[in-house]
Protein backbone atom coordinates (compact mmCIF):
# COMPACT_ATOMS: atom_id res chain seq x y z
CA MET A 1 -86.35 109.39 -95.20
CA LYS A 2 -88.37 107.18 -92.87
CA LEU A 3 -87.82 107.37 -89.19
CA PHE A 4 -89.46 104.02 -88.44
CA ILE A 5 -89.50 100.64 -90.19
CA GLU A 6 -92.99 99.78 -91.24
CA ASP A 7 -94.54 96.56 -89.95
CA ASP A 8 -94.18 93.53 -92.10
CA PRO A 9 -97.01 93.87 -94.63
CA SER A 10 -97.30 90.16 -95.15
CA PRO A 11 -100.60 88.77 -93.84
CA SER A 12 -100.60 86.65 -90.68
CA PRO A 13 -101.55 82.98 -91.19
CA SER A 14 -105.21 82.20 -90.99
CA PRO A 15 -106.43 80.14 -88.00
CA LEU A 16 -106.44 76.42 -88.59
CA THR A 17 -109.79 74.92 -89.46
CA LEU A 18 -110.96 71.33 -89.76
CA ASP A 19 -111.47 71.76 -93.51
CA THR A 20 -107.88 72.95 -93.84
CA LEU A 21 -106.58 70.07 -91.75
CA ILE A 22 -108.50 67.53 -93.83
CA ALA A 23 -107.23 69.16 -97.10
CA LEU A 24 -103.64 68.85 -95.79
CA TRP A 25 -104.26 65.25 -94.97
CA HIS A 26 -105.47 64.50 -98.54
CA GLN A 27 -102.44 66.46 -99.97
CA SER A 28 -100.00 64.38 -97.97
CA PHE A 29 -101.74 61.01 -98.29
CA ILE A 30 -99.50 58.43 -100.09
CA ILE A 31 -101.37 55.75 -102.00
CA GLU A 32 -98.37 53.56 -102.71
CA GLY A 33 -98.15 50.49 -100.45
CA TYR A 34 -101.87 49.68 -100.38
CA ALA A 35 -102.99 46.41 -101.98
CA SER A 36 -105.83 48.01 -103.84
CA ARG A 37 -107.60 51.38 -104.52
CA LEU A 38 -110.32 50.29 -102.14
CA ASP A 39 -107.78 49.73 -99.38
CA ALA A 40 -106.28 53.10 -100.04
CA ASP A 41 -109.67 54.81 -99.89
CA PHE A 42 -110.39 53.05 -96.63
CA GLY A 43 -107.04 54.24 -95.25
CA ARG A 44 -107.74 57.74 -96.31
CA LYS A 45 -111.13 57.72 -94.65
CA ARG A 46 -109.65 56.35 -91.45
CA GLY A 47 -107.18 59.24 -91.46
CA GLU A 48 -110.00 61.80 -91.84
CA GLN A 49 -111.76 60.35 -88.78
CA MET A 50 -108.50 60.62 -86.75
CA MET A 51 -108.01 64.20 -87.99
CA GLU A 52 -111.46 65.08 -86.88
CA GLN A 53 -110.79 63.58 -83.46
CA TYR A 54 -107.49 65.34 -83.19
CA PHE A 55 -108.85 68.70 -84.19
CA THR A 56 -111.55 68.49 -81.54
CA TRP A 57 -108.93 67.73 -78.90
CA TRP A 58 -106.53 70.41 -80.20
CA SER A 59 -109.28 73.08 -80.20
CA ARG A 60 -110.25 72.55 -76.56
CA GLU A 61 -107.71 75.04 -75.21
CA PRO A 62 -105.04 77.54 -76.40
CA ARG A 63 -101.80 75.61 -77.00
CA ASP A 64 -98.19 76.92 -76.94
CA LEU A 65 -96.34 74.58 -79.16
CA PHE A 66 -92.68 74.22 -78.27
CA LEU A 67 -91.27 71.36 -80.37
CA VAL A 68 -92.40 68.35 -82.41
CA GLU A 69 -90.50 65.21 -83.33
CA LYS A 70 -87.52 66.26 -81.23
CA GLY A 71 -84.81 63.74 -80.48
CA PHE A 72 -83.02 63.49 -77.18
CA SER A 73 -80.15 61.70 -75.52
CA VAL A 74 -79.75 61.41 -71.78
CA ASP A 75 -77.38 59.57 -69.39
CA ILE A 76 -79.06 57.24 -66.85
CA ASN A 77 -76.88 55.07 -64.59
CA GLY A 78 -73.89 55.58 -66.85
CA GLU A 79 -75.72 54.49 -70.03
CA THR A 80 -76.90 56.69 -72.83
CA ILE A 81 -80.61 56.43 -73.65
CA THR A 82 -81.98 58.06 -76.75
CA GLY A 83 -85.47 58.71 -77.79
CA ARG A 84 -87.82 61.16 -79.52
CA PHE A 85 -90.64 63.44 -78.21
CA ASP A 86 -93.77 63.47 -80.36
CA ARG A 87 -94.92 66.81 -79.17
CA LEU A 88 -93.88 69.32 -76.49
CA GLU A 89 -96.05 72.22 -75.30
CA ARG A 90 -95.21 75.03 -72.92
CA THR A 91 -97.41 75.48 -69.85
CA ALA A 92 -97.41 78.09 -67.13
CA GLY A 93 -95.01 76.03 -65.08
CA GLY A 94 -92.81 74.25 -67.58
CA ILE A 95 -93.22 71.77 -70.41
CA ARG A 96 -95.96 69.24 -71.24
CA VAL A 97 -95.04 66.00 -73.10
CA ILE A 98 -97.66 64.51 -75.47
CA ASP A 99 -97.04 61.01 -76.82
CA TYR A 100 -99.35 59.74 -79.63
CA LYS A 101 -100.54 56.16 -79.57
CA THR A 102 -102.69 54.09 -81.95
CA SER A 103 -102.55 50.93 -79.78
CA LYS A 104 -105.18 49.68 -77.31
CA PRO A 105 -105.68 52.24 -74.52
CA ARG A 106 -103.99 51.60 -71.18
CA THR A 107 -105.32 52.09 -67.71
CA GLN A 108 -104.51 55.04 -65.50
CA ASP A 109 -102.39 52.74 -63.24
CA GLN A 110 -100.41 51.51 -66.30
CA VAL A 111 -99.72 55.09 -67.46
CA ASP A 112 -98.76 56.16 -63.96
CA ALA A 113 -96.14 53.35 -63.90
CA ASP A 114 -94.97 53.65 -67.50
CA LEU A 115 -91.21 53.62 -67.69
CA GLN A 116 -91.03 55.37 -71.08
CA LEU A 117 -92.89 58.39 -69.70
CA SER A 118 -90.52 58.54 -66.70
CA ILE A 119 -87.62 58.71 -69.24
CA TYR A 120 -89.39 61.56 -71.01
CA ALA A 121 -89.83 63.51 -67.81
CA HIS A 122 -86.15 63.15 -67.03
CA ALA A 123 -85.19 63.98 -70.59
CA VAL A 124 -87.15 67.26 -70.41
CA GLN A 125 -85.31 68.36 -67.33
CA GLU A 126 -81.87 67.36 -68.71
CA SER A 127 -82.43 68.73 -72.23
CA PHE A 128 -84.11 72.01 -71.49
CA GLY A 129 -83.43 72.66 -67.84
CA GLU A 130 -87.17 73.00 -67.17
CA VAL A 131 -89.81 71.17 -65.16
CA CYS A 132 -91.96 68.49 -66.89
CA THR A 133 -95.35 69.60 -65.64
CA GLU A 134 -97.45 66.92 -67.35
CA LEU A 135 -97.16 63.77 -69.44
CA ILE A 136 -100.03 62.73 -71.68
CA LEU A 137 -100.68 59.63 -73.71
CA LEU A 138 -103.00 60.49 -76.52
CA PHE A 139 -104.78 57.47 -77.99
CA LEU A 140 -105.99 58.01 -81.48
CA ARG A 141 -108.60 55.43 -82.37
CA GLU A 142 -110.45 54.84 -85.58
CA GLU A 143 -114.15 54.83 -84.71
CA GLU A 144 -114.09 55.91 -81.06
CA GLU A 145 -113.47 59.18 -79.31
CA LEU A 146 -109.88 60.15 -78.83
CA LEU A 147 -108.70 59.26 -75.31
CA GLU A 148 -106.23 61.39 -73.28
CA ILE A 149 -104.65 59.94 -70.20
CA GLN A 150 -102.58 62.33 -68.04
CA THR A 151 -99.92 61.67 -65.50
CA THR A 152 -96.95 63.30 -63.79
CA ARG A 153 -93.63 62.27 -62.26
CA ASN A 154 -92.00 63.49 -59.05
CA ASP A 155 -88.42 63.05 -57.93
CA SER A 156 -89.26 59.84 -56.01
CA GLN A 157 -90.85 58.29 -58.98
CA LEU A 158 -87.89 59.14 -61.16
CA LYS A 159 -85.54 57.50 -58.73
CA ASP A 160 -87.68 54.37 -58.87
CA ALA A 161 -87.52 54.46 -62.64
CA PHE A 162 -83.72 54.74 -62.50
CA ARG A 163 -83.63 51.70 -60.33
CA GLN A 164 -85.75 49.76 -62.77
CA ILE A 165 -83.53 50.78 -65.59
CA GLY A 166 -80.48 49.64 -63.52
CA MET A 167 -82.05 46.22 -63.02
CA ILE A 168 -82.72 45.95 -66.77
CA GLN A 169 -79.16 46.92 -67.51
CA SER A 170 -77.86 44.28 -65.02
CA GLN A 171 -80.06 41.60 -66.67
CA MET A 172 -78.80 42.59 -70.14
CA VAL A 173 -75.14 42.33 -69.05
CA ALA A 174 -75.83 38.94 -67.44
CA LYS A 175 -77.80 37.86 -70.50
CA ASP A 176 -80.69 37.10 -68.16
CA PHE A 177 -83.65 37.16 -70.52
CA HIS A 178 -86.52 35.24 -68.90
CA PRO A 179 -89.74 35.51 -70.87
CA GLU A 180 -92.71 37.25 -69.36
CA PRO A 181 -95.52 36.24 -71.64
CA ALA A 182 -98.75 38.18 -71.73
CA VAL A 183 -101.49 38.46 -74.42
CA ASP A 184 -100.92 42.23 -74.95
CA LYS A 185 -97.11 41.82 -75.17
CA CYS A 186 -97.16 38.72 -77.34
CA ARG A 187 -99.69 40.08 -79.73
CA HIS A 188 -97.17 42.57 -81.08
CA CYS A 189 -94.08 40.40 -80.86
CA PRO A 190 -92.63 39.31 -84.28
CA TYR A 191 -91.17 36.15 -82.68
CA ARG A 192 -94.40 34.82 -81.14
CA SER A 193 -94.75 32.08 -83.76
CA VAL A 194 -91.38 30.53 -82.72
CA CYS A 195 -91.35 31.38 -79.03
CA PRO A 196 -92.20 28.47 -76.75
CA ALA A 197 -93.41 30.76 -74.04
CA ALA A 198 -95.72 32.89 -76.19
CA ALA A 199 -99.15 33.52 -74.81
CA ILE A 200 -100.74 33.50 -78.24
CA ARG A 201 -99.55 32.36 -81.71
């Protein structure tokens, strides 16, 4: 009769390497949807470059992963706002939010004022009862070095965000939709070809 339960004999997972990450990318790559084999090969190669950038970033420091692709629902000014976190990591003081982007990088001022990130910070506090210590936009770009832009939110900034959301809610109720054309906004708008105020066609 044994007095103690032996440790689990199963081996612990091996540390992640770049080769393993690239192999996983190839295994999960879906060729359907590409116009030709050449296009698919180009897309696969682009993915490899992004995986290499991401692995370099990920390896810079020990990371305590909390959750990935986690949905949330919070009440702001009496309205329910839903969203999804890309990645959450634990830090010494609370939770870090990481949001992945493949769009054109933004400036520090734009990130500091980003309304979506303010909602994320509030959602962390409401969903987990913990402080959001850091908010990061991680720009994954094809042939350039990955770019990380960090910011934070304090109580005053969150109150300002709630006021902005309140103004947007009032405009929606009043059906007050005045266009605010800008090249960056209009470039991604599916209605730019029929919108008389579009900055670009």
